[in-house]
Amino acid sequence: MSKLYESLGIDRLTPKQRLDLIDEIWENLPDDEKIGDLPEWHIKLLEERLADAEANPGEGTPYEEALARIERQR
């Protein structure tokens, strides 16, 4: 564990608090410092999945149902 991690007290945060901290840091980065363009393979995969979803409406699981299933499995 790094000294900075300990000196800032991050080691005493709960997992939820750590994730909230990550989100807060990310949201406060200047726009020009956020990750730039997506790799080409990401874009291609997203396009393929979007095309599949459009070609097969109703085949997927709504977000709320998928999330509930994941939560039940915990």
Protein backbone atom coordinates (compact mmCIF):
# COMPACT_ATOMS: atom_id res chain seq x y z
CA MET A 1 0.00 0.00 0.00
CA SER A 2 1.42 3.39 -0.92
CA LYS A 3 2.24 6.05 1.63
CA LEU A 4 -0.02 8.51 -0.20
CA TYR A 5 -2.91 6.07 0.02
CA GLU A 6 -2.42 5.83 3.78
CA SER A 7 -1.67 9.52 4.34
CA LEU A 8 -4.92 10.53 2.64
CA GLY A 9 -6.86 8.00 4.70
CA ILE A 10 -8.06 6.10 1.65
CA ASP A 11 -7.17 2.84 3.39
CA ARG A 12 -9.87 3.60 5.98
CA LEU A 13 -12.66 4.12 3.43
CA THR A 14 -15.28 1.50 2.71
CA PRO A 15 -15.37 0.04 -0.82
CA LYS A 16 -18.43 2.21 -1.59
CA GLN A 17 -16.65 5.33 -0.36
CA ARG A 18 -13.61 4.46 -2.49
CA LEU A 19 -15.78 4.08 -5.58
CA ASP A 20 -17.48 7.40 -4.80
CA LEU A 21 -14.03 8.99 -4.49
CA ILE A 22 -12.98 7.57 -7.86
CA ASP A 23 -16.15 9.01 -9.41
CA GLU A 24 -15.56 12.39 -7.78
CA ILE A 25 -11.97 12.52 -9.03
CA TRP A 26 -13.02 11.48 -12.55
CA GLU A 27 -15.80 14.06 -12.73
CA ASN A 28 -13.42 16.83 -11.66
CA LEU A 29 -10.75 16.17 -14.29
CA PRO A 30 -10.55 18.91 -16.89
CA ASP A 31 -12.15 17.71 -20.13
CA ASP A 32 -8.86 17.88 -22.01
CA GLU A 33 -7.28 15.47 -19.51
CA LYS A 34 -9.94 12.77 -19.72
CA ILE A 35 -9.22 9.71 -21.78
CA GLY A 36 -9.32 10.58 -25.43
CA ASP A 37 -10.62 8.60 -28.34
CA LEU A 38 -11.79 5.03 -27.94
CA PRO A 39 -9.64 2.37 -29.55
CA GLU A 40 -10.94 1.31 -32.96
CA TRP A 41 -11.78 -2.20 -31.70
CA HIS A 42 -14.04 -0.70 -28.99
CA ILE A 43 -15.92 1.31 -31.58
CA LYS A 44 -16.29 -1.73 -33.84
CA LEU A 45 -17.58 -3.87 -30.97
CA LEU A 46 -20.09 -1.20 -29.93
CA GLU A 47 -21.30 -0.85 -33.52
CA GLU A 48 -21.73 -4.64 -33.82
CA ARG A 49 -23.68 -4.82 -30.57
CA LEU A 50 -25.89 -1.90 -31.56
CA ALA A 51 -26.60 -3.48 -34.95
CA ASP A 52 -27.45 -6.79 -33.24
CA ALA A 53 -29.77 -5.05 -30.78
CA GLU A 54 -31.53 -3.21 -33.59
CA ALA A 55 -31.84 -6.39 -35.68
CA ASN A 56 -33.23 -8.38 -32.74
CA PRO A 57 -35.44 -6.11 -30.66
CA GLY A 58 -36.83 -7.71 -27.54
CA GLU A 59 -34.07 -10.34 -27.35
CA GLY A 60 -32.08 -8.62 -24.64
CA THR A 61 -32.83 -8.22 -20.98
CA PRO A 62 -33.92 -4.81 -19.71
CA TYR A 63 -31.32 -3.15 -17.52
CA GLU A 64 -33.49 -3.27 -14.40
CA GLU A 65 -34.04 -7.03 -14.76
CA ALA A 66 -30.37 -7.72 -15.40
CA LEU A 67 -29.35 -5.64 -12.39
CA ALA A 68 -31.91 -7.39 -10.16
CA ARG A 69 -30.58 -10.79 -11.29
CA ILE A 70 -27.02 -9.73 -10.51
CA GLU A 71 -28.04 -8.46 -7.10
CA ARG A 72 -29.83 -11.74 -6.29
CA GLN A 73 -26.67 -13.69 -7.17
CA ARG A 74 -24.56 -11.75 -4.69
